[in-house]
């Protein structure tokens, strides 16, 4: 196994650790996932995975994208275990979810793998908005450790990308930006980032 492959294996272990903490906190009722975000976060990367594979993307890098969908699916499922562990959904949440579905639906019609990867990232971005809004206003309802682990995991994957093209890097770059935004939203008060 190459150095790049070891980075991906380490990245996967870190991602699973972060997701496990979120699942644990959700079952306890401490963390309250936004079900629109988590359902779209499960769907978009799984579509992105299928598109990346059909476009011939590197399977090692694509593993990270697959986990970006599969682990949110587990988190979504855990939100149904404890009735106290979900966030009340608003019209804004449903509008973001609809935009995410539209972006994914366009790919299904167009059937263009490169476009699908970009649309999956766009759909995932729309899904990010409800949780980002919630994290900004109510950071106590999120498990920040999960996003820190996801950021670290993404940073570890970047050096393993041998060919920087849409298939191999677009979703990784999106994940990097999304996790940074979530971490800032959750920890800005604790870090006394009053200027935000």
C-alpha atoms as a PDB file:
ATOM      1  CA  UNK A   1       0.000   0.000   0.000  1.00  0.00           C
ATOM      2  CA  UNK A   2       1.345   3.454  -0.922  1.00  0.00           C
ATOM      3  CA  UNK A   3       1.793   6.498   1.292  1.00  0.00           C
ATOM      4  CA  UNK A   4      -1.311   8.082  -0.260  1.00  0.00           C
ATOM      5  CA  UNK A   5      -3.379   4.995   0.510  1.00  0.00           C
ATOM      6  CA  UNK A   6      -2.264   5.076   4.148  1.00  0.00           C
ATOM      7  CA  UNK A   7      -3.392   8.706   4.336  1.00  0.00           C
ATOM      8  CA  UNK A   8      -6.826   7.679   3.115  1.00  0.00           C
ATOM      9  CA  UNK A   9      -7.028   4.796   5.620  1.00  0.00           C
ATOM     10  CA  UNK A  10      -6.086   7.206   8.427  1.00  0.00           C
ATOM     11  CA  UNK A  11      -8.616   9.705   7.081  1.00  0.00           C
ATOM     12  CA  UNK A  12     -11.362   7.066   7.136  1.00  0.00           C
ATOM     13  CA  UNK A  13     -10.529   6.128  10.747  1.00  0.00           C
ATOM     14  CA  UNK A  14     -10.673   9.784  11.806  1.00  0.00           C
ATOM     15  CA  UNK A  15     -13.984  10.316  10.002  1.00  0.00           C
ATOM     16  CA  UNK A  16     -15.516   7.270  11.680  1.00  0.00           C
ATOM     17  CA  UNK A  17     -14.316   8.527  15.086  1.00  0.00           C
ATOM     18  CA  UNK A  18     -15.962  11.906  14.516  1.00  0.00           C
ATOM     19  CA  UNK A  19     -19.220  10.396  13.274  1.00  0.00           C
ATOM     20  CA  UNK A  20     -19.305   7.994  16.229  1.00  0.00           C
ATOM     21  CA  UNK A  21     -19.143  10.944  18.639  1.00  0.00           C
ATOM     22  CA  UNK A  22     -22.031  12.631  16.831  1.00  0.00           C
ATOM     23  CA  UNK A  23     -24.104   9.443  16.884  1.00  0.00           C
ATOM     24  CA  UNK A  24     -23.401   8.977  20.609  1.00  0.00           C
ATOM     25  CA  UNK A  25     -24.374  12.580  21.403  1.00  0.00           C
ATOM     26  CA  UNK A  26     -27.491  12.315  19.233  1.00  0.00           C
ATOM     27  CA  UNK A  27     -28.687   9.153  20.979  1.00  0.00           C
ATOM     28  CA  UNK A  28     -28.123  10.872  24.348  1.00  0.00           C
ATOM     29  CA  UNK A  29     -30.165  13.875  23.155  1.00  0.00           C
ATOM     30  CA  UNK A  30     -27.243  16.292  23.586  1.00  0.00           C
ATOM     31  CA  UNK A  31     -26.842  16.898  19.854  1.00  0.00           C
ATOM     32  CA  UNK A  32     -29.896  17.711  17.766  1.00  0.00           C
ATOM     33  CA  UNK A  33     -29.273  17.016  14.097  1.00  0.00           C
ATOM     34  CA  UNK A  34     -31.196  18.856  11.431  1.00  0.00           C
ATOM     35  CA  UNK A  35     -32.776  15.960   9.543  1.00  0.00           C
ATOM     36  CA  UNK A  36     -32.972  17.883   6.278  1.00  0.00           C
ATOM     37  CA  UNK A  37     -29.215  18.508   6.342  1.00  0.00           C
ATOM     38  CA  UNK A  38     -28.290  14.984   7.361  1.00  0.00           C
ATOM     39  CA  UNK A  39     -30.593  13.312   4.839  1.00  0.00           C
ATOM     40  CA  UNK A  40     -29.201  15.468   2.040  1.00  0.00           C
ATOM     41  CA  UNK A  41     -25.651  14.963   3.354  1.00  0.00           C
ATOM     42  CA  UNK A  42     -26.260  11.249   2.994  1.00  0.00           C
ATOM     43  CA  UNK A  43     -27.788  11.489  -0.468  1.00  0.00           C
ATOM     44  CA  UNK A  44     -25.493  13.987  -2.221  1.00  0.00           C
ATOM     45  CA  UNK A  45     -22.160  12.238  -1.525  1.00  0.00           C
ATOM     46  CA  UNK A  46     -23.621   8.849  -2.400  1.00  0.00           C
ATOM     47  CA  UNK A  47     -24.710  10.280  -5.757  1.00  0.00           C
ATOM     48  CA  UNK A  48     -21.272  11.903  -6.028  1.00  0.00           C
ATOM     49  CA  UNK A  49     -19.660   8.533  -5.337  1.00  0.00           C
ATOM     50  CA  UNK A  50     -21.617   6.857  -8.113  1.00  0.00           C
ATOM     51  CA  UNK A  51     -20.750   9.697 -10.486  1.00  0.00           C
ATOM     52  CA  UNK A  52     -17.059   9.648  -9.555  1.00  0.00           C
ATOM     53  CA  UNK A  53     -16.857   5.900 -10.123  1.00  0.00           C
ATOM     54  CA  UNK A  54     -18.655   6.156 -13.464  1.00  0.00           C
ATOM     55  CA  UNK A  55     -16.246   8.963 -14.479  1.00  0.00           C
ATOM     56  CA  UNK A  56     -13.237   6.804 -13.627  1.00  0.00           C
ATOM     57  CA  UNK A  57     -12.132   8.639 -10.464  1.00  0.00           C
ATOM     58  CA  UNK A  58      -9.561   7.059  -8.193  1.00  0.00           C
ATOM     59  CA  UNK A  59     -11.330   4.501  -5.962  1.00  0.00           C
ATOM     60  CA  UNK A  60      -9.152   5.320  -2.954  1.00  0.00           C
ATOM     61  CA  UNK A  61     -10.135   8.987  -3.034  1.00  0.00           C
ATOM     62  CA  UNK A  62     -13.744   8.080  -3.817  1.00  0.00           C
ATOM     63  CA  UNK A  63     -13.886   6.044  -0.583  1.00  0.00           C
ATOM     64  CA  UNK A  64     -13.757   9.306   1.339  1.00  0.00           C
ATOM     65  CA  UNK A  65     -16.698  10.649  -0.662  1.00  0.00           C
ATOM     66  CA  UNK A  66     -18.654   7.447  -0.007  1.00  0.00           C
ATOM     67  CA  UNK A  67     -18.108   7.808   3.745  1.00  0.00           C
ATOM     68  CA  UNK A  68     -19.226  11.425   3.514  1.00  0.00           C
ATOM     69  CA  UNK A  69     -22.613   9.949   2.555  1.00  0.00           C
ATOM     70  CA  UNK A  70     -22.787   6.695   4.474  1.00  0.00           C
ATOM     71  CA  UNK A  71     -21.902   8.126   7.902  1.00  0.00           C
ATOM     72  CA  UNK A  72     -24.553  10.891   7.676  1.00  0.00           C
ATOM     73  CA  UNK A  73     -27.031   8.144   6.844  1.00  0.00           C
ATOM     74  CA  UNK A  74     -26.126   6.490  10.161  1.00  0.00           C
ATOM     75  CA  UNK A  75     -26.420   9.842  11.969  1.00  0.00           C
ATOM     76  CA  UNK A  76     -29.836  10.432  10.410  1.00  0.00           C
ATOM     77  CA  UNK A  77     -30.941   6.988  11.578  1.00  0.00           C
ATOM     78  CA  UNK A  78     -29.679   7.725  15.109  1.00  0.00           C
ATOM     79  CA  UNK A  79     -31.859  10.864  15.266  1.00  0.00           C
ATOM     80  CA  UNK A  80     -34.914   8.592  15.329  1.00  0.00           C
ATOM     81  CA  UNK A  81     -33.701   6.669  18.404  1.00  0.00           C
ATOM     82  CA  UNK A  82     -34.225   9.488  20.930  1.00  0.00           C
ATOM     83  CA  UNK A  83     -37.317  11.688  20.373  1.00  0.00           C
ATOM     84  CA  UNK A  84     -35.437  14.601  22.008  1.00  0.00           C
ATOM     85  CA  UNK A  85     -32.585  14.428  19.528  1.00  0.00           C
ATOM     86  CA  UNK A  86     -33.821  16.258  16.473  1.00  0.00           C
ATOM     87  CA  UNK A  87     -34.066  19.874  15.516  1.00  0.00           C
ATOM     88  CA  UNK A  88     -37.454  21.382  14.678  1.00  0.00           C
ATOM     89  CA  UNK A  89     -37.572  21.978  10.933  1.00  0.00           C
ATOM     90  CA  UNK A  90     -38.586  25.302   9.399  1.00  0.00           C
ATOM     91  CA  UNK A  91     -39.602  26.472   5.932  1.00  0.00           C
ATOM     92  CA  UNK A  92     -35.976  27.524   5.380  1.00  0.00           C
ATOM     93  CA  UNK A  93     -34.834  23.939   6.046  1.00  0.00           C
ATOM     94  CA  UNK A  94     -37.316  22.517   3.567  1.00  0.00           C
ATOM     95  CA  UNK A  95     -36.413  25.112   0.908  1.00  0.00           C
ATOM     96  CA  UNK A  96     -32.738  24.218   1.262  1.00  0.00           C
ATOM     97  CA  UNK A  97     -33.620  20.539   1.026  1.00  0.00           C
ATOM     98  CA  UNK A  98     -35.677  21.197  -2.107  1.00  0.00           C
ATOM     99  CA  UNK A  99     -32.748  23.078  -3.712  1.00  0.00           C
ATOM    100  CA  UNK A 100     -30.477  20.166  -2.840  1.00  0.00           C
ATOM    101  CA  UNK A 101     -32.896  17.714  -4.452  1.00  0.00           C
ATOM    102  CA  UNK A 102     -33.231  19.879  -7.565  1.00  0.00           C
ATOM    103  CA  UNK A 103     -29.448  19.954  -7.979  1.00  0.00           C
ATOM    104  CA  UNK A 104     -29.318  16.172  -7.709  1.00  0.00           C
ATOM    105  CA  UNK A 105     -32.327  15.725  -9.970  1.00  0.00           C
ATOM    106  CA  UNK A 106     -30.649  17.698 -12.758  1.00  0.00           C
ATOM    107  CA  UNK A 107     -27.817  15.185 -12.728  1.00  0.00           C
ATOM    108  CA  UNK A 108     -30.222  12.301 -13.064  1.00  0.00           C
ATOM    109  CA  UNK A 109     -31.700  13.919 -16.161  1.00  0.00           C
ATOM    110  CA  UNK A 110     -28.408  15.061 -17.699  1.00  0.00           C
ATOM    111  CA  UNK A 111     -26.447  11.909 -16.837  1.00  0.00           C
ATOM    112  CA  UNK A 112     -23.102  13.724 -17.089  1.00  0.00           C
ATOM    113  CA  UNK A 113     -20.657  12.383 -14.475  1.00  0.00           C
ATOM    114  CA  UNK A 114     -18.541  15.553 -14.133  1.00  0.00           C
ATOM    115  CA  UNK A 115     -21.648  17.708 -13.874  1.00  0.00           C
ATOM    116  CA  UNK A 116     -23.046  15.279 -11.304  1.00  0.00           C
ATOM    117  CA  UNK A 117     -20.039  15.742  -9.040  1.00  0.00           C
ATOM    118  CA  UNK A 118     -20.427  19.517  -9.146  1.00  0.00           C
ATOM    119  CA  UNK A 119     -24.188  19.295  -8.667  1.00  0.00           C
ATOM    120  CA  UNK A 120     -23.741  16.845  -5.784  1.00  0.00           C
ATOM    121  CA  UNK A 121     -21.409  19.358  -4.108  1.00  0.00           C
ATOM    122  CA  UNK A 122     -23.927  22.142  -4.786  1.00  0.00           C
ATOM    123  CA  UNK A 123     -26.738  20.018  -3.367  1.00  0.00           C
ATOM    124  CA  UNK A 124     -24.626  19.217  -0.339  1.00  0.00           C
ATOM    125  CA  UNK A 125     -23.969  22.946   0.055  1.00  0.00           C
ATOM    126  CA  UNK A 126     -27.697  23.693   0.122  1.00  0.00           C
ATOM    127  CA  UNK A 127     -28.046  20.938   2.727  1.00  0.00           C
ATOM    128  CA  UNK A 128     -25.292  22.627   4.762  1.00  0.00           C
ATOM    129  CA  UNK A 129     -27.243  25.862   5.142  1.00  0.00           C
ATOM    130  CA  UNK A 130     -29.850  24.696   7.723  1.00  0.00           C
ATOM    131  CA  UNK A 131     -27.199  23.171  10.004  1.00  0.00           C
ATOM    132  CA  UNK A 132     -24.870  26.130   9.512  1.00  0.00           C
ATOM    133  CA  UNK A 133     -27.689  28.493  10.489  1.00  0.00           C
ATOM    134  CA  UNK A 134     -28.553  26.331  13.511  1.00  0.00           C
ATOM    135  CA  UNK A 135     -24.904  26.015  14.574  1.00  0.00           C
ATOM    136  CA  UNK A 136     -24.474  29.779  14.381  1.00  0.00           C
ATOM    137  CA  UNK A 137     -27.552  30.501  16.518  1.00  0.00           C
ATOM    138  CA  UNK A 138     -27.452  27.430  18.791  1.00  0.00           C
ATOM    139  CA  UNK A 139     -23.927  25.968  18.830  1.00  0.00           C
ATOM    140  CA  UNK A 140     -24.762  23.857  21.884  1.00  0.00           C
ATOM    141  CA  UNK A 141     -26.945  21.647  19.665  1.00  0.00           C
ATOM    142  CA  UNK A 142     -23.967  20.448  17.645  1.00  0.00           C
ATOM    143  CA  UNK A 143     -20.983  18.174  18.320  1.00  0.00           C
ATOM    144  CA  UNK A 144     -18.078  20.290  17.110  1.00  0.00           C
ATOM    145  CA  UNK A 145     -15.620  17.420  17.513  1.00  0.00           C
ATOM    146  CA  UNK A 146     -17.272  15.704  14.546  1.00  0.00           C
ATOM    147  CA  UNK A 147     -16.544  18.613  12.216  1.00  0.00           C
ATOM    148  CA  UNK A 148     -12.986  18.957  13.506  1.00  0.00           C
ATOM    149  CA  UNK A 149     -12.394  15.282  12.737  1.00  0.00           C
ATOM    150  CA  UNK A 150     -14.005  15.685   9.327  1.00  0.00           C
ATOM    151  CA  UNK A 151     -11.754  18.664   8.564  1.00  0.00           C
ATOM    152  CA  UNK A 152      -8.666  16.758   9.667  1.00  0.00           C
ATOM    153  CA  UNK A 153      -9.774  13.797   7.584  1.00  0.00           C
ATOM    154  CA  UNK A 154     -10.237  15.977   4.510  1.00  0.00           C
ATOM    155  CA  UNK A 155      -6.831  17.605   4.997  1.00  0.00           C
ATOM    156  CA  UNK A 156      -5.247  14.145   5.106  1.00  0.00           C
ATOM    157  CA  UNK A 157      -6.903  13.131   1.857  1.00  0.00           C
ATOM    158  CA  UNK A 158      -5.713  16.163  -0.118  1.00  0.00           C
ATOM    159  CA  UNK A 159      -2.082  14.979  -0.483  1.00  0.00           C
ATOM    160  CA  UNK A 160      -3.344  11.626  -1.758  1.00  0.00           C
ATOM    161  CA  UNK A 161      -4.985  13.223  -4.794  1.00  0.00           C
ATOM    162  CA  UNK A 162      -2.618  12.404  -7.614  1.00  0.00           C
ATOM    163  CA  UNK A 163      -4.613  14.061 -10.386  1.00  0.00           C
ATOM    164  CA  UNK A 164      -6.258  17.375  -9.518  1.00  0.00           C
ATOM    165  CA  UNK A 165      -9.405  17.345 -11.595  1.00  0.00           C
ATOM    166  CA  UNK A 166     -13.119  17.662 -10.925  1.00  0.00           C
ATOM    167  CA  UNK A 167     -13.564  13.924 -10.418  1.00  0.00           C
ATOM    168  CA  UNK A 168     -10.892  13.644  -7.730  1.00  0.00           C
ATOM    169  CA  UNK A 169     -10.873  17.005  -5.981  1.00  0.00           C
ATOM    170  CA  UNK A 170     -14.134  18.977  -6.270  1.00  0.00           C
ATOM    171  CA  UNK A 171     -15.962  17.254  -3.435  1.00  0.00           C
ATOM    172  CA  UNK A 172     -12.867  17.263  -1.200  1.00  0.00           C
ATOM    173  CA  UNK A 173     -12.523  21.031  -1.606  1.00  0.00           C
ATOM    174  CA  UNK A 174     -16.198  21.493  -0.816  1.00  0.00           C
ATOM    175  CA  UNK A 175     -15.843  19.355   2.348  1.00  0.00           C
ATOM    176  CA  UNK A 176     -12.880  21.460   3.441  1.00  0.00           C
ATOM    177  CA  UNK A 177     -14.854  24.711   3.152  1.00  0.00           C
ATOM    178  CA  UNK A 178     -18.018  23.270   4.735  1.00  0.00           C
ATOM    179  CA  UNK A 179     -16.196  21.946   7.797  1.00  0.00           C
ATOM    180  CA  UNK A 180     -14.309  25.199   8.356  1.00  0.00           C
ATOM    181  CA  UNK A 181     -17.598  27.129   8.265  1.00  0.00           C
ATOM    182  CA  UNK A 182     -19.252  24.732  10.717  1.00  0.00           C
ATOM    183  CA  UNK A 183     -16.309  24.810  13.134  1.00  0.00           C
ATOM    184  CA  UNK A 184     -16.295  28.614  13.141  1.00  0.00           C
ATOM    185  CA  UNK A 185     -20.054  28.679  13.730  1.00  0.00           C
ATOM    186  CA  UNK A 186     -19.884  26.255  16.642  1.00  0.00           C
ATOM    187  CA  UNK A 187     -16.793  27.616  18.403  1.00  0.00           C
ATOM    188  CA  UNK A 188     -16.897  31.359  17.661  1.00  0.00           C
ATOM    189  CA  UNK A 189     -18.436  32.227  21.045  1.00  0.00           C
ATOM    190  CA  UNK A 190     -16.072  29.962  22.986  1.00  0.00           C
ATOM    191  CA  UNK A 191     -13.073  31.341  21.137  1.00  0.00           C
ATOM    192  CA  UNK A 192     -14.344  34.869  21.756  1.00  0.00           C
ATOM    193  CA  UNK A 193     -14.516  35.704  18.084  1.00  0.00           C
ATOM    194  CA  UNK A 194     -16.698  38.712  18.747  1.00  0.00           C
ATOM    195  CA  UNK A 195     -15.923  40.186  15.334  1.00  0.00           C
ATOM    196  CA  UNK A 196     -17.939  37.380  13.682  1.00  0.00           C
END
